Amino acid sequence: MSDRVRPRIAIDDENGRPVAAADIEAVAPDVVRASLHVEPGHLPRDARERLVDAVLDDPEVKSRQQLEVSLPLGDTEILDRVRERCDSADSRAAGASCLVDADLPRPEPAEG
């Protein structure tokens, strides 16, 4: 078992209360896994979108080619945002979760 600390991303509301979070784990040289969680109840309108953006903009994620995401089943806002930001995304239900296998966007080649 690894003693390495896994990155955690948290999204807070306007009062500083955590409303969404993601745990990130590198599982292979080209694959990273993210487990997304949202708090029950009323959330700021863009909390889910901000969570997905924060995950996909994280250096640990950006350095990989594939992303495996676990999110709450039925959370179409998160699923839609993953699909918008990734080159491709296949999803399937697994109990109370939705599992997504996504190809991350390739970095733009440097001009020069």
PDB file of N, CA and C in Angstrom:
ATOM      1  N   MET A   1       0.844  -1.175   0.000  1.00  0.00           N
ATOM      2  CA  MET A   1       0.000   0.000   0.000  1.00  0.00           C
ATOM      3  C   MET A   1       0.884   1.232   0.000  1.00  0.00           C
ATOM      4  N   SER A   2       0.468   2.243  -0.736  1.00  0.00           N
ATOM      5  CA  SER A   2       1.256   3.464  -0.872  1.00  0.00           C
ATOM      6  C   SER A   2       0.946   4.437   0.256  1.00  0.00           C
ATOM      7  N   ASP A   3       1.999   5.121   0.711  1.00  0.00           N
ATOM      8  CA  ASP A   3       1.822   6.156   1.728  1.00  0.00           C
ATOM      9  C   ASP A   3       1.656   7.527   1.097  1.00  0.00           C
ATOM     10  N   ARG A   4       1.606   7.563  -0.221  1.00  0.00           N
ATOM     11  CA  ARG A   4       1.501   8.821  -0.942  1.00  0.00           C
ATOM     12  C   ARG A   4       0.149   9.487  -0.667  1.00  0.00           C
ATOM     13  N   VAL A   5       0.172  10.777  -0.430  1.00  0.00           N
ATOM     14  CA  VAL A   5      -1.052  11.527  -0.178  1.00  0.00           C
ATOM     15  C   VAL A   5      -1.770  11.762  -1.504  1.00  0.00           C
ATOM     16  N   ARG A   6      -3.044  11.465  -1.528  1.00  0.00           N
ATOM     17  CA  ARG A   6      -3.847  11.682  -2.728  1.00  0.00           C
ATOM     18  C   ARG A   6      -4.346  13.122  -2.746  1.00  0.00           C
ATOM     19  N   PRO A   7      -4.236  13.764  -3.899  1.00  0.00           N
ATOM     20  CA  PRO A   7      -4.774  15.132  -3.989  1.00  0.00           C
ATOM     21  C   PRO A   7      -6.283  15.142  -3.763  1.00  0.00           C
ATOM     22  N   ARG A   8      -6.762  16.185  -3.090  1.00  0.00           N
ATOM     23  CA  ARG A   8      -8.199  16.366  -2.862  1.00  0.00           C
ATOM     24  C   ARG A   8      -8.548  17.785  -3.273  1.00  0.00           C
ATOM     25  N   ILE A   9      -9.590  17.897  -4.042  1.00  0.00           N
ATOM     26  CA  ILE A   9     -10.082  19.192  -4.497  1.00  0.00           C
ATOM     27  C   ILE A   9     -11.403  19.442  -3.798  1.00  0.00           C
ATOM     28  N   ALA A  10     -11.576  20.635  -3.251  1.00  0.00           N
ATOM     29  CA  ALA A  10     -12.827  20.990  -2.570  1.00  0.00           C
ATOM     30  C   ALA A  10     -13.389  22.274  -3.161  1.00  0.00           C
ATOM     31  N   ILE A  11     -14.690  22.303  -3.289  1.00  0.00           N
ATOM     32  CA  ILE A  11     -15.415  23.489  -3.747  1.00  0.00           C
ATOM     33  C   ILE A  11     -16.264  23.969  -2.581  1.00  0.00           C
ATOM     34  N   ASP A  12     -16.118  25.245  -2.235  1.00  0.00           N
ATOM     35  CA  ASP A  12     -16.858  25.835  -1.120  1.00  0.00           C
ATOM     36  C   ASP A  12     -17.946  26.772  -1.630  1.00  0.00           C
ATOM     37  N   ASP A  13     -18.984  26.955  -0.809  1.00  0.00           N
ATOM     38  CA  ASP A  13     -20.001  27.944  -1.146  1.00  0.00           C
ATOM     39  C   ASP A  13     -19.516  29.322  -0.707  1.00  0.00           C
ATOM     40  N   GLU A  14     -20.363  30.322  -0.847  1.00  0.00           N
ATOM     41  CA  GLU A  14     -19.973  31.704  -0.525  1.00  0.00           C
ATOM     42  C   GLU A  14     -19.665  31.918   0.950  1.00  0.00           C
ATOM     43  N   ASN A  15     -20.106  30.984   1.812  1.00  0.00           N
ATOM     44  CA  ASN A  15     -19.832  31.067   3.248  1.00  0.00           C
ATOM     45  C   ASN A  15     -18.634  30.227   3.671  1.00  0.00           C
ATOM     46  N   GLY A  16     -17.960  29.613   2.704  1.00  0.00           N
ATOM     47  CA  GLY A  16     -16.801  28.789   3.012  1.00  0.00           C
ATOM     48  C   GLY A  16     -17.136  27.368   3.406  1.00  0.00           C
ATOM     49  N   ARG A  17     -18.403  26.968   3.276  1.00  0.00           N
ATOM     50  CA  ARG A  17     -18.827  25.606   3.596  1.00  0.00           C
ATOM     51  C   ARG A  17     -18.529  24.697   2.407  1.00  0.00           C
ATOM     52  N   PRO A  18     -17.818  23.574   2.622  1.00  0.00           N
ATOM     53  CA  PRO A  18     -17.547  22.658   1.512  1.00  0.00           C
ATOM     54  C   PRO A  18     -18.853  22.064   0.966  1.00  0.00           C
ATOM     55  N   VAL A  19     -19.027  22.125  -0.353  1.00  0.00           N
ATOM     56  CA  VAL A  19     -20.250  21.601  -0.969  1.00  0.00           C
ATOM     57  C   VAL A  19     -19.969  20.498  -1.992  1.00  0.00           C
ATOM     58  N   ALA A  20     -18.721  20.391  -2.445  1.00  0.00           N
ATOM     59  CA  ALA A  20     -18.358  19.361  -3.412  1.00  0.00           C
ATOM     60  C   ALA A  20     -16.869  19.074  -3.271  1.00  0.00           C
ATOM     61  N   ALA A  21     -16.499  17.822  -3.579  1.00  0.00           N
ATOM     62  CA  ALA A  21     -15.087  17.455  -3.452  1.00  0.00           C
ATOM     63  C   ALA A  21     -14.760  16.337  -4.425  1.00  0.00           C
ATOM     64  N   ALA A  22     -13.471  16.210  -4.704  1.00  0.00           N
ATOM     65  CA  ALA A  22     -12.978  15.131  -5.556  1.00  0.00           C
ATOM     66  C   ALA A  22     -11.670  14.614  -4.986  1.00  0.00           C
ATOM     67  N   ASP A  23     -11.547  13.303  -4.944  1.00  0.00           N
ATOM     68  CA  ASP A  23     -10.291  12.658  -4.581  1.00  0.00           C
ATOM     69  C   ASP A  23      -9.663  12.152  -5.870  1.00  0.00           C
ATOM     70  N   ILE A  24      -8.370  12.406  -6.043  1.00  0.00           N
ATOM     71  CA  ILE A  24      -7.671  12.054  -7.271  1.00  0.00           C
ATOM     72  C   ILE A  24      -6.577  11.041  -6.953  1.00  0.00           C
ATOM     73  N   GLU A  25      -6.464  10.032  -7.814  1.00  0.00           N
ATOM     74  CA  GLU A  25      -5.453   9.001  -7.622  1.00  0.00           C
ATOM     75  C   GLU A  25      -4.889   8.573  -8.972  1.00  0.00           C
ATOM     76  N   ALA A  26      -3.571   8.628  -9.116  1.00  0.00           N
ATOM     77  CA  ALA A  26      -2.922   8.106 -10.310  1.00  0.00           C
ATOM     78  C   ALA A  26      -2.907   6.592 -10.195  1.00  0.00           C
ATOM     79  N   VAL A  27      -3.463   5.892 -11.189  1.00  0.00           N
ATOM     80  CA  VAL A  27      -3.550   4.433 -11.127  1.00  0.00           C
ATOM     81  C   VAL A  27      -2.643   3.755 -12.152  1.00  0.00           C
ATOM     82  N   ALA A  28      -2.126   4.501 -13.101  1.00  0.00           N
ATOM     83  CA  ALA A  28      -1.200   3.996 -14.110  1.00  0.00           C
ATOM     84  C   ALA A  28      -0.487   5.205 -14.710  1.00  0.00           C
ATOM     85  N   PRO A  29       0.583   4.975 -15.449  1.00  0.00           N
ATOM     86  CA  PRO A  29       1.317   6.113 -16.002  1.00  0.00           C
ATOM     87  C   PRO A  29       0.450   7.070 -16.832  1.00  0.00           C
ATOM     88  N   ASP A  30      -0.550   6.548 -17.528  1.00  0.00           N
ATOM     89  CA  ASP A  30      -1.390   7.397 -18.370  1.00  0.00           C
ATOM     90  C   ASP A  30      -2.822   7.538 -17.864  1.00  0.00           C
ATOM     91  N   VAL A  31      -3.125   6.959 -16.690  1.00  0.00           N
ATOM     92  CA  VAL A  31      -4.509   6.927 -16.200  1.00  0.00           C
ATOM     93  C   VAL A  31      -4.594   7.525 -14.805  1.00  0.00           C
ATOM     94  N   VAL A  32      -5.608   8.365 -14.620  1.00  0.00           N
ATOM     95  CA  VAL A  32      -5.880   8.947 -13.314  1.00  0.00           C
ATOM     96  C   VAL A  32      -7.349   8.694 -12.988  1.00  0.00           C
ATOM     97  N   ARG A  33      -7.630   8.497 -11.708  1.00  0.00           N
ATOM     98  CA  ARG A  33      -8.999   8.225 -11.247  1.00  0.00           C
ATOM     99  C   ARG A  33      -9.450   9.377 -10.361  1.00  0.00           C
ATOM    100  N   ALA A  34     -10.690   9.804 -10.542  1.00  0.00           N
ATOM    101  CA  ALA A  34     -11.263  10.862  -9.707  1.00  0.00           C
ATOM    102  C   ALA A  34     -12.613  10.399  -9.184  1.00  0.00           C
ATOM    103  N   SER A  35     -12.792  10.534  -7.889  1.00  0.00           N
ATOM    104  CA  SER A  35     -14.054  10.196  -7.242  1.00  0.00           C
ATOM    105  C   SER A  35     -14.700  11.504  -6.803  1.00  0.00           C
ATOM    106  N   LEU A  36     -15.840  11.846  -7.410  1.00  0.00           N
ATOM    107  CA  LEU A  36     -16.501  13.119  -7.158  1.00  0.00           C
ATOM    108  C   LEU A  36     -17.671  12.940  -6.193  1.00  0.00           C
ATOM    109  N   HIS A  37     -17.784  13.876  -5.259  1.00  0.00           N
ATOM    110  CA  HIS A  37     -18.837  13.841  -4.241  1.00  0.00           C
ATOM    111  C   HIS A  37     -19.473  15.222  -4.151  1.00  0.00           C
ATOM    112  N   VAL A  38     -20.787  15.263  -3.962  1.00  0.00           N
ATOM    113  CA  VAL A  38     -21.479  16.531  -3.718  1.00  0.00           C
ATOM    114  C   VAL A  38     -22.326  16.385  -2.458  1.00  0.00           C
ATOM    115  N   GLU A  39     -22.414  17.451  -1.714  1.00  0.00           N
ATOM    116  CA  GLU A  39     -23.215  17.459  -0.493  1.00  0.00           C
ATOM    117  C   GLU A  39     -24.700  17.495  -0.855  1.00  0.00           C
ATOM    118  N   PRO A  40     -25.539  16.885  -0.043  1.00  0.00           N
ATOM    119  CA  PRO A  40     -26.977  16.964  -0.301  1.00  0.00           C
ATOM    120  C   PRO A  40     -27.500  18.371  -0.015  1.00  0.00           C
ATOM    121  N   GLY A  41     -28.624  18.677  -0.607  1.00  0.00           N
ATOM    122  CA  GLY A  41     -29.252  19.973  -0.362  1.00  0.00           C
ATOM    123  C   GLY A  41     -28.912  20.980  -1.441  1.00  0.00           C
ATOM    124  N   HIS A  42     -29.248  22.224  -1.154  1.00  0.00           N
ATOM    125  CA  HIS A  42     -29.046  23.307  -2.115  1.00  0.00           C
ATOM    126  C   HIS A  42     -27.558  23.589  -2.287  1.00  0.00           C
ATOM    127  N   LEU A  43     -27.113  23.653  -3.538  1.00  0.00           N
ATOM    128  CA  LEU A  43     -25.727  23.976  -3.867  1.00  0.00           C
ATOM    129  C   LEU A  43     -25.699  25.217  -4.729  1.00  0.00           C
ATOM    130  N   PRO A  44     -24.598  25.962  -4.683  1.00  0.00           N
ATOM    131  CA  PRO A  44     -24.466  27.074  -5.623  1.00  0.00           C
ATOM    132  C   PRO A  44     -24.643  26.557  -7.052  1.00  0.00           C
ATOM    133  N   ARG A  45     -25.211  27.383  -7.896  1.00  0.00           N
ATOM    134  CA  ARG A  45     -25.579  26.990  -9.252  1.00  0.00           C
ATOM    135  C   ARG A  45     -24.423  26.367 -10.036  1.00  0.00           C
ATOM    136  N   ASP A  46     -23.214  26.848  -9.864  1.00  0.00           N
ATOM    137  CA  ASP A  46     -22.096  26.374 -10.674  1.00  0.00           C
ATOM    138  C   ASP A  46     -21.145  25.439  -9.927  1.00  0.00           C
ATOM    139  N   ALA A  47     -21.540  24.929  -8.777  1.00  0.00           N
ATOM    140  CA  ALA A  47     -20.637  24.108  -7.958  1.00  0.00           C
ATOM    141  C   ALA A  47     -20.185  22.852  -8.696  1.00  0.00           C
ATOM    142  N   ARG A  48     -21.084  22.179  -9.356  1.00  0.00           N
ATOM    143  CA  ARG A  48     -20.724  20.944 -10.061  1.00  0.00           C
ATOM    144  C   ARG A  48     -19.791  21.233 -11.229  1.00  0.00           C
ATOM    145  N   GLU A  49     -20.089  22.267 -11.976  1.00  0.00           N
ATOM    146  CA  GLU A  49     -19.236  22.668 -13.101  1.00  0.00           C
ATOM    147  C   GLU A  49     -17.846  23.054 -12.607  1.00  0.00           C
ATOM    148  N   ARG A  50     -17.782  23.813 -11.524  1.00  0.00           N
ATOM    149  CA  ARG A  50     -16.487  24.218 -10.957  1.00  0.00           C
ATOM    150  C   ARG A  50     -15.694  23.019 -10.481  1.00  0.00           C
ATOM    151  N   LEU A  51     -16.375  22.004  -9.932  1.00  0.00           N
ATOM    152  CA  LEU A  51     -15.695  20.801  -9.475  1.00  0.00           C
ATOM    153  C   LEU A  51     -15.054  20.068 -10.654  1.00  0.00           C
ATOM    154  N   VAL A  52     -15.808  19.847 -11.709  1.00  0.00           N
ATOM    155  CA  VAL A  52     -15.260  19.162 -12.884  1.00  0.00           C
ATOM    156  C   VAL A  52     -14.103  19.960 -13.472  1.00  0.00           C
ATOM    157  N   ASP A  53     -14.263  21.274 -13.594  1.00  0.00           N
ATOM    158  CA  ASP A  53     -13.187  22.107 -14.141  1.00  0.00           C
ATOM    159  C   ASP A  53     -11.933  22.027 -13.276  1.00  0.00           C
ATOM    160  N   ALA A  54     -12.096  22.055 -11.966  1.00  0.00           N
ATOM    161  CA  ALA A  54     -10.941  21.983 -11.062  1.00  0.00           C
ATOM    162  C   ALA A  54     -10.226  20.642 -11.203  1.00  0.00           C
ATOM    163  N   VAL A  55     -10.990  19.565 -11.352  1.00  0.00           N
ATOM    164  CA  VAL A  55     -10.379  18.246 -11.540  1.00  0.00           C
ATOM    165  C   VAL A  55      -9.604  18.205 -12.850  1.00  0.00           C
ATOM    166  N   LEU A  56     -10.240  18.625 -13.928  1.00  0.00           N
ATOM    167  CA  LEU A  56      -9.592  18.540 -15.232  1.00  0.00           C
ATOM    168  C   LEU A  56      -8.431  19.515 -15.391  1.00  0.00           C
ATOM    169  N   ASP A  57      -8.401  20.570 -14.595  1.00  0.00           N
ATOM    170  CA  ASP A  57      -7.294  21.522 -14.649  1.00  0.00           C
ATOM    171  C   ASP A  57      -6.171  21.188 -13.677  1.00  0.00           C
ATOM    172  N   ASP A  58      -6.363  20.167 -12.850  1.00  0.00           N
ATOM    173  CA  ASP A  58      -5.346  19.760 -11.889  1.00  0.00           C
ATOM    174  C   ASP A  58      -4.129  19.180 -12.629  1.00  0.00           C
ATOM    175  N   PRO A  59      -2.912  19.567 -12.243  1.00  0.00           N
ATOM    176  CA  PRO A  59      -1.713  19.070 -12.933  1.00  0.00           C
ATOM    177  C   PRO A  59      -1.599  17.548 -12.947  1.00  0.00           C
ATOM    178  N   GLU A  60      -2.022  16.885 -11.878  1.00  0.00           N
ATOM    179  CA  GLU A  60      -1.977  15.415 -11.823  1.00  0.00           C
ATOM    180  C   GLU A  60      -2.863  14.813 -12.905  1.00  0.00           C
ATOM    181  N   VAL A  61      -3.979  15.441 -13.184  1.00  0.00           N
ATOM    182  CA  VAL A  61      -4.907  14.960 -14.200  1.00  0.00           C
ATOM    183  C   VAL A  61      -4.426  15.359 -15.587  1.00  0.00           C
ATOM    184  N   LYS A  62      -4.014  16.597 -15.756  1.00  0.00           N
ATOM    185  CA  LYS A  62      -3.597  17.092 -17.071  1.00  0.00           C
ATOM    186  C   LYS A  62      -2.402  16.337 -17.638  1.00  0.00           C
ATOM    187  N   SER A  63      -1.610  15.713 -16.771  1.00  0.00           N
ATOM    188  CA  SER A  63      -0.424  14.997 -17.241  1.00  0.00           C
ATOM    189  C   SER A  63      -0.750  13.583 -17.744  1.00  0.00           C
ATOM    190  N   ARG A  64      -2.005  13.181 -17.690  1.00  0.00           N
ATOM    191  CA  ARG A  64      -2.433  11.833 -18.095  1.00  0.00           C
ATOM    192  C   ARG A  64      -3.217  11.888 -19.401  1.00  0.00           C
ATOM    193  N   GLN A  65      -3.499  10.694 -19.934  1.00  0.00           N
ATOM    194  CA  GLN A  65      -4.273  10.603 -21.173  1.00  0.00           C
ATOM    195  C   GLN A  65      -5.708  10.137 -20.943  1.00  0.00           C
ATOM    196  N   GLN A  66      -5.918   9.391 -19.858  1.00  0.00           N
ATOM    197  CA  GLN A  66      -7.251   8.864 -19.592  1.00  0.00           C
ATOM    198  C   GLN A  66      -7.682   9.181 -18.163  1.00  0.00           C
ATOM    199  N   LEU A  67      -8.976   9.365 -18.017  1.00  0.00           N
ATOM    200  CA  LEU A  67      -9.565   9.680 -16.720  1.00  0.00           C
ATOM    201  C   LEU A  67     -10.688   8.701 -16.440  1.00  0.00           C
ATOM    202  N   GLU A  68     -10.663   8.117 -15.253  1.00  0.00           N
ATOM    203  CA  GLU A  68     -11.755   7.285 -14.765  1.00  0.00           C
ATOM    204  C   GLU A  68     -12.457   8.080 -13.678  1.00  0.00           C
ATOM    205  N   VAL A  69     -13.745   8.347 -13.872  1.00  0.00           N
ATOM    206  CA  VAL A  69     -14.492   9.182 -12.936  1.00  0.00           C
ATOM    207  C   VAL A  69     -15.619   8.374 -12.308  1.00  0.00           C
ATOM    208  N   SER A  70     -15.782   8.547 -11.005  1.00  0.00           N
ATOM    209  CA  SER A  70     -16.927   8.007 -10.278  1.00  0.00           C
ATOM    210  C   SER A  70     -17.717   9.201  -9.780  1.00  0.00           C
ATOM    211  N   LEU A  71     -19.012   9.232 -10.079  1.00  0.00           N
ATOM    212  CA  LEU A  71     -19.862  10.346  -9.671  1.00  0.00           C
ATOM    213  C   LEU A  71     -21.223   9.805  -9.268  1.00  0.00           C
ATOM    214  N   PRO A  72     -22.013  10.604  -8.561  1.00  0.00           N
ATOM    215  CA  PRO A  72     -23.338  10.124  -8.138  1.00  0.00           C
ATOM    216  C   PRO A  72     -24.220   9.811  -9.348  1.00  0.00           C
ATOM    217  N   LEU A  73     -24.850   8.643  -9.342  1.00  0.00           N
ATOM    218  CA  LEU A  73     -25.744   8.241 -10.414  1.00  0.00           C
ATOM    219  C   LEU A  73     -26.869   9.273 -10.558  1.00  0.00           C
ATOM    220  N   GLY A  74     -27.139   9.698 -11.757  1.00  0.00           N
ATOM    221  CA  GLY A  74     -28.200  10.666 -12.014  1.00  0.00           C
ATOM    222  C   GLY A  74     -27.738  12.111 -11.999  1.00  0.00           C
ATOM    223  N   ASP A  75     -26.475  12.358 -11.688  1.00  0.00           N
ATOM    224  CA  ASP A  75     -25.974  13.736 -11.672  1.00  0.00           C
ATOM    225  C   ASP A  75     -25.576  14.130 -13.089  1.00  0.00           C
ATOM    226  N   THR A  76     -26.578  14.510 -13.867  1.00  0.00           N
ATOM    227  CA  THR A  76     -26.340  14.806 -15.276  1.00  0.00           C
ATOM    228  C   THR A  76     -25.505  16.064 -15.484  1.00  0.00           C
ATOM    229  N   GLU A  77     -25.537  16.988 -14.552  1.00  0.00           N
ATOM    230  CA  GLU A  77     -24.742  18.210 -14.697  1.00  0.00           C
ATOM    231  C   GLU A  77     -23.244  17.884 -14.683  1.00  0.00           C
ATOM    232  N   ILE A  78     -22.817  17.029 -13.770  1.00  0.00           N
ATOM    233  CA  ILE A  78     -21.408  16.625 -13.738  1.00  0.00           C
ATOM    234  C   ILE A  78     -21.076  15.817 -14.989  1.00  0.00           C
ATOM    235  N   LEU A  79     -21.924  14.857 -15.338  1.00  0.00           N
ATOM    236  CA  LEU A  79     -21.672  14.019 -16.499  1.00  0.00           C
ATOM    237  C   LEU A  79     -21.582  14.855 -17.777  1.00  0.00           C
ATOM    238  N   ASP A  80     -22.492  15.790 -17.953  1.00  0.00           N
ATOM    239  CA  ASP A  80     -22.462  16.652 -19.140  1.00  0.00           C
ATOM    240  C   ASP A  80     -21.176  17.472 -19.200  1.00  0.00           C
ATOM    241  N   ARG A  81     -20.723  17.978 -18.050  1.00  0.00           N
ATOM    242  CA  ARG A  81     -19.504  18.788 -18.040  1.00  0.00           C
ATOM    243  C   ARG A  81     -18.274  17.942 -18.370  1.00  0.00           C
ATOM    244  N   VAL A  82     -18.223  16.712 -17.863  1.00  0.00           N
ATOM    245  CA  VAL A  82     -17.113  15.812 -18.212  1.00  0.00           C
ATOM    246  C   VAL A  82     -17.114  15.585 -19.722  1.00  0.00           C
ATOM    247  N   ARG A  83     -18.276  15.328 -20.283  1.00  0.00           N
ATOM    248  CA  ARG A  83     -18.373  15.105 -21.735  1.00  0.00           C
ATOM    249  C   ARG A  83     -17.968  16.339 -22.528  1.00  0.00           C
ATOM    250  N   GLU A  84     -18.325  17.523 -22.044  1.00  0.00           N
ATOM    251  CA  GLU A  84     -17.930  18.769 -22.728  1.00  0.00           C
ATOM    252  C   GLU A  84     -16.422  18.948 -22.749  1.00  0.00           C
ATOM    253  N   ARG A  85     -15.777  18.641 -21.636  1.00  0.00           N
ATOM    254  CA  ARG A  85     -14.347  18.933 -21.477  1.00  0.00           C
ATOM    255  C   ARG A  85     -13.425  17.831 -21.992  1.00  0.00           C
ATOM    256  N   CYS A  86     -13.926  16.622 -22.213  1.00  0.00           N
ATOM    257  CA  CYS A  86     -13.070  15.501 -22.633  1.00  0.00           C
ATOM    258  C   CYS A  86     -13.301  15.193 -24.108  1.00  0.00           C
ATOM    259  N   ASP A  87     -12.302  14.547 -24.715  1.00  0.00           N
ATOM    260  CA  ASP A  87     -12.418  14.182 -26.127  1.00  0.00           C
ATOM    261  C   ASP A  87     -13.483  13.121 -26.352  1.00  0.00           C
ATOM    262  N   SER A  88     -13.612  12.177 -25.433  1.00  0.00           N
ATOM    263  CA  SER A  88     -14.667  11.171 -25.493  1.00  0.00           C
ATOM    264  C   SER A  88     -14.939  10.698 -24.075  1.00  0.00           C
ATOM    265  N   ALA A  89     -16.148  10.198 -23.850  1.00  0.00           N
ATOM    266  CA  ALA A  89     -16.503   9.725 -22.512  1.00  0.00           C
ATOM    267  C   ALA A  89     -17.592   8.668 -22.629  1.00  0.00           C
ATOM    268  N   ASP A  90     -17.318   7.494 -22.068  1.00  0.00           N
ATOM    269  CA  ASP A  90     -18.289   6.408 -22.015  1.00  0.00           C
ATOM    270  C   ASP A  90     -18.707   6.235 -20.562  1.00  0.00           C
ATOM    271  N   SER A  91     -20.017   6.120 -20.331  1.00  0.00           N
ATOM    272  CA  SER A  91     -20.508   6.014 -18.957  1.00  0.00           C
ATOM    273  C   SER A  91     -21.357   4.766 -18.784  1.00  0.00           C
ATOM    274  N   ARG A  92     -21.417   4.316 -17.525  1.00  0.00           N
ATOM    275  CA  ARG A  92     -22.248   3.173 -17.181  1.00  0.00           C
ATOM    276  C   ARG A  92     -22.629   3.280 -15.710  1.00  0.00           C
ATOM    277  N   ALA A  93     -23.776   2.718 -15.381  1.00  0.00           N
ATOM    278  CA  ALA A  93     -24.231   2.708 -13.994  1.00  0.00           C
ATOM    279  C   ALA A  93     -23.551   1.570 -13.248  1.00  0.00           C
ATOM    280  N   ALA A  94     -23.265   1.828 -11.969  1.00  0.00           N
ATOM    281  CA  ALA A  94     -22.692   0.812 -11.082  1.00  0.00           C
ATOM    282  C   ALA A  94     -23.242   1.081  -9.685  1.00  0.00           C
ATOM    283  N   GLY A  95     -24.341   0.433  -9.349  1.00  0.00           N
ATOM    284  CA  GLY A  95     -24.977   0.686  -8.059  1.00  0.00           C
ATOM    285  C   GLY A  95     -25.499   2.111  -8.000  1.00  0.00           C
ATOM    286  N   ALA A  96     -25.097   2.848  -6.968  1.00  0.00           N
ATOM    287  CA  ALA A  96     -25.531   4.235  -6.800  1.00  0.00           C
ATOM    288  C   ALA A  96     -24.579   5.217  -7.469  1.00  0.00           C
ATOM    289  N   SER A  97     -23.628   4.693  -8.248  1.00  0.00           N
ATOM    290  CA  SER A  97     -22.633   5.546  -8.911  1.00  0.00           C
ATOM    291  C   SER A  97     -22.739   5.432 -10.414  1.00  0.00           C
ATOM    292  N   CYS A  98     -22.172   6.415 -11.068  1.00  0.00           N
ATOM    293  CA  CYS A  98     -21.983   6.403 -12.510  1.00  0.00           C
ATOM    294  C   CYS A  98     -20.475   6.382 -12.723  1.00  0.00           C
ATOM    295  N   LEU A  99     -19.992   5.439 -13.519  1.00  0.00           N
ATOM    296  CA  LEU A  99     -18.573   5.352 -13.819  1.00  0.00           C
ATOM    297  C   LEU A  99     -18.353   5.832 -15.244  1.00  0.00           C
ATOM    298  N   VAL A 100     -17.347   6.677 -15.411  1.00  0.00           N
ATOM    299  CA  VAL A 100     -17.056   7.267 -16.714  1.00  0.00           C
ATOM    300  C   VAL A 100     -15.607   6.991 -17.055  1.00  0.00           C
ATOM    301  N   ASP A 101     -15.380   6.511 -18.267  1.00  0.00           N
ATOM    302  CA  ASP A 101     -14.040   6.369 -18.824  1.00  0.00           C
ATOM    303  C   ASP A 101     -13.912   7.434 -19.899  1.00  0.00           C
ATOM    304  N   ALA A 102     -12.960   8.346 -19.713  1.00  0.00           N
ATOM    305  CA  ALA A 102     -12.840   9.484 -20.627  1.00  0.00           C
ATOM    306  C   ALA A 102     -11.421   9.614 -21.154  1.00  0.00           C
ATOM    307  N   ASP A 103     -11.329  10.040 -22.406  1.00  0.00           N
ATOM    308  CA  ASP A 103     -10.042  10.401 -22.993  1.00  0.00           C
ATOM    309  C   ASP A 103      -9.854  11.890 -22.765  1.00  0.00           C
ATOM    310  N   LEU A 104      -8.748  12.229 -22.109  1.00  0.00           N
ATOM    311  CA  LEU A 104      -8.478  13.631 -21.812  1.00  0.00           C
ATOM    312  C   LEU A 104      -8.005  14.356 -23.072  1.00  0.00           C
ATOM    313  N   PRO A 105      -8.300  15.640 -23.170  1.00  0.00           N
ATOM    314  CA  PRO A 105      -7.844  16.404 -24.326  1.00  0.00           C
ATOM    315  C   PRO A 105      -6.321  16.404 -24.401  1.00  0.00           C
ATOM    316  N   ARG A 106      -5.816  16.284 -25.585  1.00  0.00           N
ATOM    317  CA  ARG A 106      -4.371  16.341 -25.779  1.00  0.00           C
ATOM    318  C   ARG A 106      -3.924  17.795 -25.676  1.00  0.00           C
ATOM    319  N   PRO A 107      -2.753  18.024 -25.094  1.00  0.00           N
ATOM    320  CA  PRO A 107      -2.251  19.400 -24.995  1.00  0.00           C
ATOM    321  C   PRO A 107      -2.023  19.985 -26.384  1.00  0.00           C
ATOM    322  N   GLU A 108      -2.271  21.279 -26.496  1.00  0.00           N
ATOM    323  CA  GLU A 108      -2.029  21.978 -27.756  1.00  0.00           C
ATOM    324  C   GLU A 108      -0.533  22.005 -28.024  1.00  0.00           C
ATOM    325  N   PRO A 109      -0.105  21.722 -29.267  1.00  0.00           N
ATOM    326  CA  PRO A 109       1.332  21.801 -29.560  1.00  0.00           C
ATOM    327  C   PRO A 109       1.819  23.238 -29.442  1.00  0.00           C
ATOM    328  N   ALA A 110       3.038  23.365 -28.933  1.00  0.00           N
ATOM    329  CA  ALA A 110       3.625  24.704 -28.763  1.00  0.00           C
ATOM    330  C   ALA A 110       3.948  25.284 -30.136  1.00  0.00           C
ATOM    331  N   GLU A 111       3.592  26.543 -30.303  1.00  0.00           N
ATOM    332  CA  GLU A 111       3.915  27.222 -31.553  1.00  0.00           C
ATOM    333  C   GLU A 111       5.337  27.747 -31.489  1.00  0.00           C
ATOM    334  N   GLY A 112       5.975  27.692 -32.617  1.00  0.00           N
ATOM    335  CA  GLY A 112       7.314  28.248 -32.571  1.00  0.00           C
ATOM    336  C   GLY A 112       8.087  27.966 -33.719  1.00  0.00           C
TER     337      GLY A 112
END
